[in-house]
Amino acid sequence: MLARQAGEKALKAAVIVADIEVPYHHNLDGLRDLLPLSWQVKIMHPALKDLTDWAVEARYPSDFPDATVEDARLALRLAEALIDTVAADLRSHGLPVESP
């Protein structure tokens, strides 16, 4: 899902700003966990599994049920909240991030 990918890109931007090497995986909790404790995204988004699941499940055949419209809406809400929090963290680190 594109919502999950957008959240992943936001977290990877934060990891880069924190001067941490970006790993080659799609685990959003793992990316978030790389950030220092001072980043609000660690507090505001303690569990990102619901978005991470779509990294593989949406691309490859499996027993995972097809996404519904409600699944897409939930993923979008989760990704928007994650991106907003990362944007606020980036601004607090002196980056000129525009509000979406």
PDB file of N, CA and C in Angstrom:
ATOM      1  N   MET A   1       0.839  -1.190   0.000  1.00  0.00           N
ATOM      2  CA  MET A   1       0.000   0.000   0.000  1.00  0.00           C
ATOM      3  C   MET A   1       0.879   1.247   0.000  1.00  0.00           C
ATOM      4  N   LEU A   2       0.429   2.223  -0.709  1.00  0.00           N
ATOM      5  CA  LEU A   2       1.194   3.464  -0.802  1.00  0.00           C
ATOM      6  C   LEU A   2       1.247   4.212   0.520  1.00  0.00           C
ATOM      7  N   ALA A   3       0.220   4.090   1.338  1.00  0.00           N
ATOM      8  CA  ALA A   3       0.225   4.768   2.641  1.00  0.00           C
ATOM      9  C   ALA A   3       1.374   4.249   3.497  1.00  0.00           C
ATOM     10  N   ARG A   4       1.577   2.947   3.498  1.00  0.00           N
ATOM     11  CA  ARG A   4       2.665   2.358   4.265  1.00  0.00           C
ATOM     12  C   ARG A   4       4.011   2.824   3.724  1.00  0.00           C
ATOM     13  N   GLN A   5       4.125   2.856   2.404  1.00  0.00           N
ATOM     14  CA  GLN A   5       5.381   3.285   1.797  1.00  0.00           C
ATOM     15  C   GLN A   5       5.696   4.744   2.133  1.00  0.00           C
ATOM     16  N   ALA A   6       4.677   5.586   2.172  1.00  0.00           N
ATOM     17  CA  ALA A   6       4.892   6.993   2.537  1.00  0.00           C
ATOM     18  C   ALA A   6       5.385   7.101   3.979  1.00  0.00           C
ATOM     19  N   GLY A   7       4.803   6.311   4.879  1.00  0.00           N
ATOM     20  CA  GLY A   7       5.266   6.300   6.261  1.00  0.00           C
ATOM     21  C   GLY A   7       6.703   5.814   6.370  1.00  0.00           C
ATOM     22  N   GLU A   8       7.044   4.804   5.583  1.00  0.00           N
ATOM     23  CA  GLU A   8       8.416   4.291   5.576  1.00  0.00           C
ATOM     24  C   GLU A   8       9.398   5.361   5.112  1.00  0.00           C
ATOM     25  N   LYS A   9       9.042   6.082   4.053  1.00  0.00           N
ATOM     26  CA  LYS A   9       9.931   7.130   3.535  1.00  0.00           C
ATOM     27  C   LYS A   9      10.120   8.244   4.564  1.00  0.00           C
ATOM     28  N   ALA A  10       9.064   8.582   5.279  1.00  0.00           N
ATOM     29  CA  ALA A  10       9.181   9.611   6.318  1.00  0.00           C
ATOM     30  C   ALA A  10      10.134   9.143   7.420  1.00  0.00           C
ATOM     31  N   LEU A  11       9.979   7.902   7.859  1.00  0.00           N
ATOM     32  CA  LEU A  11      10.872   7.382   8.893  1.00  0.00           C
ATOM     33  C   LEU A  11      12.313   7.307   8.402  1.00  0.00           C
ATOM     34  N   LYS A  12      12.513   6.919   7.156  1.00  0.00           N
ATOM     35  CA  LYS A  12      13.874   6.847   6.623  1.00  0.00           C
ATOM     36  C   LYS A  12      14.497   8.239   6.542  1.00  0.00           C
ATOM     37  N   ALA A  13      13.697   9.253   6.243  1.00  0.00           N
ATOM     38  CA  ALA A  13      14.213  10.627   6.259  1.00  0.00           C
ATOM     39  C   ALA A  13      14.673  10.993   7.668  1.00  0.00           C
ATOM     40  N   ALA A  14      13.882  10.615   8.668  1.00  0.00           N
ATOM     41  CA  ALA A  14      14.254  10.903  10.054  1.00  0.00           C
ATOM     42  C   ALA A  14      15.539  10.180  10.434  1.00  0.00           C
ATOM     43  N   VAL A  15      15.678   8.941  10.014  1.00  0.00           N
ATOM     44  CA  VAL A  15      16.885   8.167  10.304  1.00  0.00           C
ATOM     45  C   VAL A  15      18.104   8.842   9.673  1.00  0.00           C
ATOM     46  N   ILE A  16      17.952   9.341   8.459  1.00  0.00           N
ATOM     47  CA  ILE A  16      19.050  10.043   7.782  1.00  0.00           C
ATOM     48  C   ILE A  16      19.414  11.314   8.536  1.00  0.00           C
ATOM     49  N   VAL A  17      18.411  12.083   8.942  1.00  0.00           N
ATOM     50  CA  VAL A  17      18.664  13.318   9.689  1.00  0.00           C
ATOM     51  C   VAL A  17      19.359  13.016  11.017  1.00  0.00           C
ATOM     52  N   ALA A  18      19.016  11.886  11.624  1.00  0.00           N
ATOM     53  CA  ALA A  18      19.646  11.485  12.886  1.00  0.00           C
ATOM     54  C   ALA A  18      21.054  10.919  12.658  1.00  0.00           C
ATOM     55  N   ASP A  19      21.500  10.932  11.406  1.00  0.00           N
ATOM     56  CA  ASP A  19      22.840  10.470  11.039  1.00  0.00           C
ATOM     57  C   ASP A  19      23.049   8.994  11.380  1.00  0.00           C
ATOM     58  N   ILE A  20      22.027   8.206  11.055  1.00  0.00           N
ATOM     59  CA  ILE A  20      22.066   6.757  11.269  1.00  0.00           C
ATOM     60  C   ILE A  20      21.965   6.106   9.892  1.00  0.00           C
ATOM     61  N   GLU A  21      22.738   5.055   9.685  1.00  0.00           N
ATOM     62  CA  GLU A  21      22.687   4.347   8.405  1.00  0.00           C
ATOM     63  C   GLU A  21      21.308   3.706   8.228  1.00  0.00           C
ATOM     64  N   VAL A  22      20.736   3.911   7.065  1.00  0.00           N
ATOM     65  CA  VAL A  22      19.399   3.384   6.778  1.00  0.00           C
ATOM     66  C   VAL A  22      19.508   1.902   6.411  1.00  0.00           C
ATOM     67  N   PRO A  23      18.805   1.051   7.145  1.00  0.00           N
ATOM     68  CA  PRO A  23      18.841  -0.380   6.826  1.00  0.00           C
ATOM     69  C   PRO A  23      17.972  -0.695   5.609  1.00  0.00           C
ATOM     70  N   TYR A  24      18.239  -1.817   4.994  1.00  0.00           N
ATOM     71  CA  TYR A  24      17.457  -2.250   3.838  1.00  0.00           C
ATOM     72  C   TYR A  24      16.355  -3.208   4.274  1.00  0.00           C
ATOM     73  N   HIS A  25      15.341  -2.641   4.902  1.00  0.00           N
ATOM     74  CA  HIS A  25      14.164  -3.425   5.261  1.00  0.00           C
ATOM     75  C   HIS A  25      12.958  -2.491   5.296  1.00  0.00           C
ATOM     76  N   HIS A  26      11.789  -3.084   5.455  1.00  0.00           N
ATOM     77  CA  HIS A  26      10.543  -2.317   5.427  1.00  0.00           C
ATOM     78  C   HIS A  26       9.825  -2.316   6.771  1.00  0.00           C
ATOM     79  N   ASN A  27      10.500  -2.712   7.832  1.00  0.00           N
ATOM     80  CA  ASN A  27       9.894  -2.808   9.151  1.00  0.00           C
ATOM     81  C   ASN A  27       9.832  -1.417   9.785  1.00  0.00           C
ATOM     82  N   LEU A  28       8.639  -0.865   9.864  1.00  0.00           N
ATOM     83  CA  LEU A  28       8.478   0.492  10.376  1.00  0.00           C
ATOM     84  C   LEU A  28       8.838   0.594  11.851  1.00  0.00           C
ATOM     85  N   ASP A  29       8.509  -0.422  12.643  1.00  0.00           N
ATOM     86  CA  ASP A  29       8.902  -0.409  14.054  1.00  0.00           C
ATOM     87  C   ASP A  29      10.427  -0.426  14.166  1.00  0.00           C
ATOM     88  N   GLY A  30      11.077  -1.209  13.335  1.00  0.00           N
ATOM     89  CA  GLY A  30      12.535  -1.269  13.352  1.00  0.00           C
ATOM     90  C   GLY A  30      13.171   0.057  12.983  1.00  0.00           C
ATOM     91  N   LEU A  31      12.605   0.737  11.994  1.00  0.00           N
ATOM     92  CA  LEU A  31      13.121   2.057  11.612  1.00  0.00           C
ATOM     93  C   LEU A  31      12.928   3.060  12.743  1.00  0.00           C
ATOM     94  N   ARG A  32      11.725   3.074  13.313  1.00  0.00           N
ATOM     95  CA  ARG A  32      11.436   3.990  14.421  1.00  0.00           C
ATOM     96  C   ARG A  32      12.373   3.738  15.594  1.00  0.00           C
ATOM     97  N   ASP A  33      12.639   2.464  15.866  1.00  0.00           N
ATOM     98  CA  ASP A  33      13.477   2.114  17.008  1.00  0.00           C
ATOM     99  C   ASP A  33      14.923   2.572  16.860  1.00  0.00           C
ATOM    100  N   LEU A  34      15.362   2.851  15.649  1.00  0.00           N
ATOM    101  CA  LEU A  34      16.724   3.353  15.427  1.00  0.00           C
ATOM    102  C   LEU A  34      16.894   4.789  15.919  1.00  0.00           C
ATOM    103  N   LEU A  35      15.791   5.520  16.000  1.00  0.00           N
ATOM    104  CA  LEU A  35      15.866   6.941  16.357  1.00  0.00           C
ATOM    105  C   LEU A  35      16.151   7.133  17.844  1.00  0.00           C
ATOM    106  N   PRO A  36      16.818   8.228  18.186  1.00  0.00           N
ATOM    107  CA  PRO A  36      17.076   8.533  19.598  1.00  0.00           C
ATOM    108  C   PRO A  36      15.765   8.721  20.379  1.00  0.00           C
ATOM    109  N   LEU A  37      15.832   8.539  21.676  1.00  0.00           N
ATOM    110  CA  LEU A  37      14.649   8.657  22.532  1.00  0.00           C
ATOM    111  C   LEU A  37      13.999  10.035  22.486  1.00  0.00           C
ATOM    112  N   SER A  38      14.753  11.045  22.115  1.00  0.00           N
ATOM    113  CA  SER A  38      14.215  12.410  22.091  1.00  0.00           C
ATOM    114  C   SER A  38      13.228  12.653  20.946  1.00  0.00           C
ATOM    115  N   TRP A  39      13.137  11.746  20.002  1.00  0.00           N
ATOM    116  CA  TRP A  39      12.222  11.925  18.876  1.00  0.00           C
ATOM    117  C   TRP A  39      10.801  11.558  19.300  1.00  0.00           C
ATOM    118  N   GLN A  40       9.866  12.460  19.076  1.00  0.00           N
ATOM    119  CA  GLN A  40       8.465  12.251  19.466  1.00  0.00           C
ATOM    120  C   GLN A  40       7.826  11.064  18.763  1.00  0.00           C
ATOM    121  N   VAL A  41       8.289  10.745  17.572  1.00  0.00           N
ATOM    122  CA  VAL A  41       7.705   9.626  16.837  1.00  0.00           C
ATOM    123  C   VAL A  41       7.836   8.326  17.633  1.00  0.00           C
ATOM    124  N   LYS A  42       8.850   8.219  18.484  1.00  0.00           N
ATOM    125  CA  LYS A  42       9.015   7.020  19.305  1.00  0.00           C
ATOM    126  C   LYS A  42       7.923   6.920  20.367  1.00  0.00           C
ATOM    127  N   ILE A  43       7.472   8.050  20.853  1.00  0.00           N
ATOM    128  CA  ILE A  43       6.444   8.080  21.894  1.00  0.00           C
ATOM    129  C   ILE A  43       5.041   8.014  21.279  1.00  0.00           C
ATOM    130  N   MET A  44       4.853   8.778  20.222  1.00  0.00           N
ATOM    131  CA  MET A  44       3.524   8.915  19.616  1.00  0.00           C
ATOM    132  C   MET A  44       3.102   7.697  18.786  1.00  0.00           C
ATOM    133  N   HIS A  45       4.070   6.903  18.340  1.00  0.00           N
ATOM    134  CA  HIS A  45       3.757   5.758  17.475  1.00  0.00           C
ATOM    135  C   HIS A  45       4.510   4.514  17.949  1.00  0.00           C
ATOM    136  N   PRO A  46       4.091   3.973  19.110  1.00  0.00           N
ATOM    137  CA  PRO A  46       4.813   2.844  19.688  1.00  0.00           C
ATOM    138  C   PRO A  46       4.604   1.519  18.948  1.00  0.00           C
ATOM    139  N   ALA A  47       3.591   1.440  18.093  1.00  0.00           N
ATOM    140  CA  ALA A  47       3.317   0.188  17.374  1.00  0.00           C
ATOM    141  C   ALA A  47       2.893   0.498  15.944  1.00  0.00           C
ATOM    142  N   LEU A  48       3.735   0.120  15.009  1.00  0.00           N
ATOM    143  CA  LEU A  48       3.463   0.401  13.595  1.00  0.00           C
ATOM    144  C   LEU A  48       3.233  -0.875  12.782  1.00  0.00           C
ATOM    145  N   LYS A  49       2.990  -1.979  13.472  1.00  0.00           N
ATOM    146  CA  LYS A  49       2.818  -3.260  12.798  1.00  0.00           C
ATOM    147  C   LYS A  49       1.668  -3.248  11.800  1.00  0.00           C
ATOM    148  N   ASP A  50       0.589  -2.552  12.122  1.00  0.00           N
ATOM    149  CA  ASP A  50      -0.558  -2.528  11.211  1.00  0.00           C
ATOM    150  C   ASP A  50      -0.188  -1.953   9.846  1.00  0.00           C
ATOM    151  N   LEU A  51       0.739  -1.012   9.821  1.00  0.00           N
ATOM    152  CA  LEU A  51       1.220  -0.490   8.534  1.00  0.00           C
ATOM    153  C   LEU A  51       2.296  -1.394   7.946  1.00  0.00           C
ATOM    154  N   THR A  52       3.198  -1.882   8.773  1.00  0.00           N
ATOM    155  CA  THR A  52       4.293  -2.721   8.292  1.00  0.00           C
ATOM    156  C   THR A  52       3.775  -3.957   7.575  1.00  0.00           C
ATOM    157  N   ASP A  53       2.697  -4.539   8.063  1.00  0.00           N
ATOM    158  CA  ASP A  53       2.154  -5.759   7.454  1.00  0.00           C
ATOM    159  C   ASP A  53       1.902  -5.599   5.963  1.00  0.00           C
ATOM    160  N   TRP A  54       1.572  -4.396   5.531  1.00  0.00           N
ATOM    161  CA  TRP A  54       1.266  -4.179   4.123  1.00  0.00           C
ATOM    162  C   TRP A  54       2.514  -4.144   3.237  1.00  0.00           C
ATOM    163  N   ALA A  55       3.698  -4.112   3.820  1.00  0.00           N
ATOM    164  CA  ALA A  55       4.931  -4.088   3.025  1.00  0.00           C
ATOM    165  C   ALA A  55       5.052  -5.343   2.175  1.00  0.00           C
ATOM    166  N   VAL A  56       4.671  -6.461   2.735  1.00  0.00           N
ATOM    167  CA  VAL A  56       4.784  -7.725   2.020  1.00  0.00           C
ATOM    168  C   VAL A  56       3.423  -8.226   1.580  1.00  0.00           C
ATOM    169  N   GLU A  57       2.459  -8.132   2.478  1.00  0.00           N
ATOM    170  CA  GLU A  57       1.148  -8.733   2.222  1.00  0.00           C
ATOM    171  C   GLU A  57       0.449  -8.152   0.997  1.00  0.00           C
ATOM    172  N   ALA A  58       0.628  -6.884   0.742  1.00  0.00           N
ATOM    173  CA  ALA A  58      -0.068  -6.261  -0.389  1.00  0.00           C
ATOM    174  C   ALA A  58       0.615  -6.583  -1.717  1.00  0.00           C
ATOM    175  N   ARG A  59       1.861  -7.053  -1.681  1.00  0.00           N
ATOM    176  CA  ARG A  59       2.609  -7.283  -2.915  1.00  0.00           C
ATOM    177  C   ARG A  59       2.652  -8.723  -3.375  1.00  0.00           C
ATOM    178  N   TYR A  60       2.614  -9.662  -2.426  1.00  0.00           N
ATOM    179  CA  TYR A  60       2.850 -11.053  -2.767  1.00  0.00           C
ATOM    180  C   TYR A  60       1.654 -11.912  -2.385  1.00  0.00           C
ATOM    181  N   PRO A  61       1.387 -12.952  -3.171  1.00  0.00           N
ATOM    182  CA  PRO A  61       0.262 -13.834  -2.838  1.00  0.00           C
ATOM    183  C   PRO A  61       0.490 -14.497  -1.471  1.00  0.00           C
ATOM    184  N   SER A  62      -0.576 -14.571  -0.696  1.00  0.00           N
ATOM    185  CA  SER A  62      -0.493 -15.210   0.619  1.00  0.00           C
ATOM    186  C   SER A  62      -1.899 -15.502   1.109  1.00  0.00           C
ATOM    187  N   ASP A  63      -1.974 -15.974   2.334  1.00  0.00           N
ATOM    188  CA  ASP A  63      -3.277 -16.235   2.958  1.00  0.00           C
ATOM    189  C   ASP A  63      -3.868 -14.969   3.551  1.00  0.00           C
ATOM    190  N   PHE A  64      -3.120 -13.877   3.502  1.00  0.00           N
ATOM    191  CA  PHE A  64      -3.590 -12.598   4.031  1.00  0.00           C
ATOM    192  C   PHE A  64      -4.790 -12.145   3.203  1.00  0.00           C
ATOM    193  N   PRO A  65      -5.885 -11.735   3.846  1.00  0.00           N
ATOM    194  CA  PRO A  65      -7.063 -11.315   3.072  1.00  0.00           C
ATOM    195  C   PRO A  65      -6.786 -10.051   2.263  1.00  0.00           C
ATOM    196  N   ASP A  66      -7.501  -9.922   1.156  1.00  0.00           N
ATOM    197  CA  ASP A  66      -7.374  -8.720   0.330  1.00  0.00           C
ATOM    198  C   ASP A  66      -7.768  -7.493   1.151  1.00  0.00           C
ATOM    199  N   ALA A  67      -7.109  -6.393   0.859  1.00  0.00           N
ATOM    200  CA  ALA A  67      -7.418  -5.143   1.558  1.00  0.00           C
ATOM    201  C   ALA A  67      -8.817  -4.671   1.206  1.00  0.00           C
ATOM    202  N   THR A  68      -9.498  -4.150   2.206  1.00  0.00           N
ATOM    203  CA  THR A  68     -10.822  -3.571   1.996  1.00  0.00           C
ATOM    204  C   THR A  68     -10.679  -2.053   1.953  1.00  0.00           C
ATOM    205  N   VAL A  69     -11.750  -1.393   1.627  1.00  0.00           N
ATOM    206  CA  VAL A  69     -11.750   0.065   1.645  1.00  0.00           C
ATOM    207  C   VAL A  69     -11.459   0.556   3.060  1.00  0.00           C
ATOM    208  N   GLU A  70     -12.025  -0.104   4.064  1.00  0.00           N
ATOM    209  CA  GLU A  70     -11.768   0.298   5.452  1.00  0.00           C
ATOM    210  C   GLU A  70     -10.302   0.080   5.825  1.00  0.00           C
ATOM    211  N   ASP A  71      -9.686  -1.004   5.334  1.00  0.00           N
ATOM    212  CA  ASP A  71      -8.250  -1.217   5.563  1.00  0.00           C
ATOM    213  C   ASP A  71      -7.443  -0.061   4.982  1.00  0.00           C
ATOM    214  N   ALA A  72      -7.801   0.356   3.788  1.00  0.00           N
ATOM    215  CA  ALA A  72      -7.095   1.458   3.133  1.00  0.00           C
ATOM    216  C   ALA A  72      -7.277   2.759   3.902  1.00  0.00           C
ATOM    217  N   ARG A  73      -8.479   3.004   4.377  1.00  0.00           N
ATOM    218  CA  ARG A  73      -8.725   4.226   5.162  1.00  0.00           C
ATOM    219  C   ARG A  73      -7.924   4.226   6.456  1.00  0.00           C
ATOM    220  N   LEU A  74      -7.889   3.080   7.129  1.00  0.00           N
ATOM    221  CA  LEU A  74      -7.113   2.967   8.366  1.00  0.00           C
ATOM    222  C   LEU A  74      -5.625   3.182   8.086  1.00  0.00           C
ATOM    223  N   ALA A  75      -5.112   2.549   7.051  1.00  0.00           N
ATOM    224  CA  ALA A  75      -3.700   2.712   6.692  1.00  0.00           C
ATOM    225  C   ALA A  75      -3.388   4.169   6.384  1.00  0.00           C
ATOM    226  N   LEU A  76      -4.282   4.831   5.691  1.00  0.00           N
ATOM    227  CA  LEU A  76      -4.077   6.243   5.366  1.00  0.00           C
ATOM    228  C   LEU A  76      -4.041   7.096   6.624  1.00  0.00           C
ATOM    229  N   ARG A  77      -4.966   6.855   7.562  1.00  0.00           N
ATOM    230  CA  ARG A  77      -4.972   7.617   8.823  1.00  0.00           C
ATOM    231  C   ARG A  77      -3.685   7.383   9.609  1.00  0.00           C
ATOM    232  N   LEU A  78      -3.264   6.129   9.693  1.00  0.00           N
ATOM    233  CA  LEU A  78      -2.033   5.805  10.429  1.00  0.00           C
ATOM    234  C   LEU A  78      -0.821   6.464   9.775  1.00  0.00           C
ATOM    235  N   ALA A  79      -0.741   6.390   8.450  1.00  0.00           N
ATOM    236  CA  ALA A  79       0.396   6.976   7.736  1.00  0.00           C
ATOM    237  C   ALA A  79       0.401   8.493   7.857  1.00  0.00           C
ATOM    238  N   GLU A  80      -0.759   9.126   7.749  1.00  0.00           N
ATOM    239  CA  GLU A  80      -0.825  10.585   7.880  1.00  0.00           C
ATOM    240  C   GLU A  80      -0.362  11.030   9.268  1.00  0.00           C
ATOM    241  N   ALA A  81      -0.803  10.323  10.298  1.00  0.00           N
ATOM    242  CA  ALA A  81      -0.390  10.672  11.664  1.00  0.00           C
ATOM    243  C   ALA A  81       1.111  10.476  11.832  1.00  0.00           C
ATOM    244  N   LEU A  82       1.638   9.387  11.296  1.00  0.00           N
ATOM    245  CA  LEU A  82       3.071   9.122  11.367  1.00  0.00           C
ATOM    246  C   LEU A  82       3.868  10.206  10.651  1.00  0.00           C
ATOM    247  N   ILE A  83       3.447  10.556   9.453  1.00  0.00           N
ATOM    248  CA  ILE A  83       4.139  11.584   8.666  1.00  0.00           C
ATOM    249  C   ILE A  83       4.082  12.935   9.365  1.00  0.00           C
ATOM    250  N   ASP A  84       2.943  13.275   9.934  1.00  0.00           N
ATOM    251  CA  ASP A  84       2.823  14.538  10.676  1.00  0.00           C
ATOM    252  C   ASP A  84       3.784  14.588  11.856  1.00  0.00           C
ATOM    253  N   THR A  85       3.902  13.470  12.573  1.00  0.00           N
ATOM    254  CA  THR A  85       4.802  13.429  13.727  1.00  0.00           C
ATOM    255  C   THR A  85       6.256  13.519  13.286  1.00  0.00           C
ATOM    256  N   VAL A  86       6.619  12.788  12.240  1.00  0.00           N
ATOM    257  CA  VAL A  86       7.992  12.864  11.728  1.00  0.00           C
ATOM    258  C   VAL A  86       8.294  14.273  11.245  1.00  0.00           C
ATOM    259  N   ALA A  87       7.348  14.903  10.555  1.00  0.00           N
ATOM    260  CA  ALA A  87       7.551  16.279  10.076  1.00  0.00           C
ATOM    261  C   ALA A  87       7.806  17.226  11.252  1.00  0.00           C
ATOM    262  N   ALA A  88       7.049  17.064  12.328  1.00  0.00           N
ATOM    263  CA  ALA A  88       7.258  17.902  13.516  1.00  0.00           C
ATOM    264  C   ALA A  88       8.639  17.650  14.114  1.00  0.00           C
ATOM    265  N   ASP A  89       9.055  16.389  14.159  1.00  0.00           N
ATOM    266  CA  ASP A  89      10.394  16.058  14.652  1.00  0.00           C
ATOM    267  C   ASP A  89      11.467  16.687  13.769  1.00  0.00           C
ATOM    268  N   LEU A  90      11.286  16.609  12.470  1.00  0.00           N
ATOM    269  CA  LEU A  90      12.271  17.192  11.553  1.00  0.00           C
ATOM    270  C   LEU A  90      12.352  18.709  11.732  1.00  0.00           C
ATOM    271  N   ARG A  91      11.191  19.350  11.904  1.00  0.00           N
ATOM    272  CA  ARG A  91      11.187  20.801  12.151  1.00  0.00           C
ATOM    273  C   ARG A  91      11.918  21.123  13.455  1.00  0.00           C
ATOM    274  N   SER A  92      11.720  20.282  14.475  1.00  0.00           N
ATOM    275  CA  SER A  92      12.388  20.539  15.759  1.00  0.00           C
ATOM    276  C   SER A  92      13.903  20.363  15.658  1.00  0.00           C
ATOM    277  N   HIS A  93      14.355  19.695  14.601  1.00  0.00           N
ATOM    278  CA  HIS A  93      15.784  19.530  14.355  1.00  0.00           C
ATOM    279  C   HIS A  93      16.290  20.554  13.333  1.00  0.00           C
ATOM    280  N   GLY A  94      15.479  21.587  13.106  1.00  0.00           N
ATOM    281  CA  GLY A  94      15.916  22.716  12.284  1.00  0.00           C
ATOM    282  C   GLY A  94      15.703  22.574  10.787  1.00  0.00           C
ATOM    283  N   LEU A  95      14.940  21.589  10.369  1.00  0.00           N
ATOM    284  CA  LEU A  95      14.688  21.440   8.937  1.00  0.00           C
ATOM    285  C   LEU A  95      13.405  22.174   8.543  1.00  0.00           C
ATOM    286  N   PRO A  96      13.433  22.865   7.423  1.00  0.00           N
ATOM    287  CA  PRO A  96      12.250  23.599   6.972  1.00  0.00           C
ATOM    288  C   PRO A  96      11.246  22.674   6.277  1.00  0.00           C
ATOM    289  N   VAL A  97      10.442  21.960   7.051  1.00  0.00           N
ATOM    290  CA  VAL A  97       9.472  21.031   6.513  1.00  0.00           C
ATOM    291  C   VAL A  97       8.125  21.737   6.417  1.00  0.00           C
ATOM    292  N   GLU A  98       7.540  21.686   5.229  1.00  0.00           N
ATOM    293  CA  GLU A  98       6.212  22.279   5.043  1.00  0.00           C
ATOM    294  C   GLU A  98       5.148  21.340   5.585  1.00  0.00           C
ATOM    295  N   SER A  99       4.088  21.913   6.086  1.00  0.00           N
ATOM    296  CA  SER A  99       2.967  21.099   6.540  1.00  0.00           C
ATOM    297  C   SER A  99       2.260  20.505   5.324  1.00  0.00           C
ATOM    298  N   PRO A 100       1.867  19.222   5.417  1.00  0.00           N
ATOM    299  CA  PRO A 100       1.184  18.603   4.269  1.00  0.00           C
ATOM    300  C   PRO A 100      -0.171  19.214   4.023  1.00  0.00           C
TER     301      PRO A 100
END
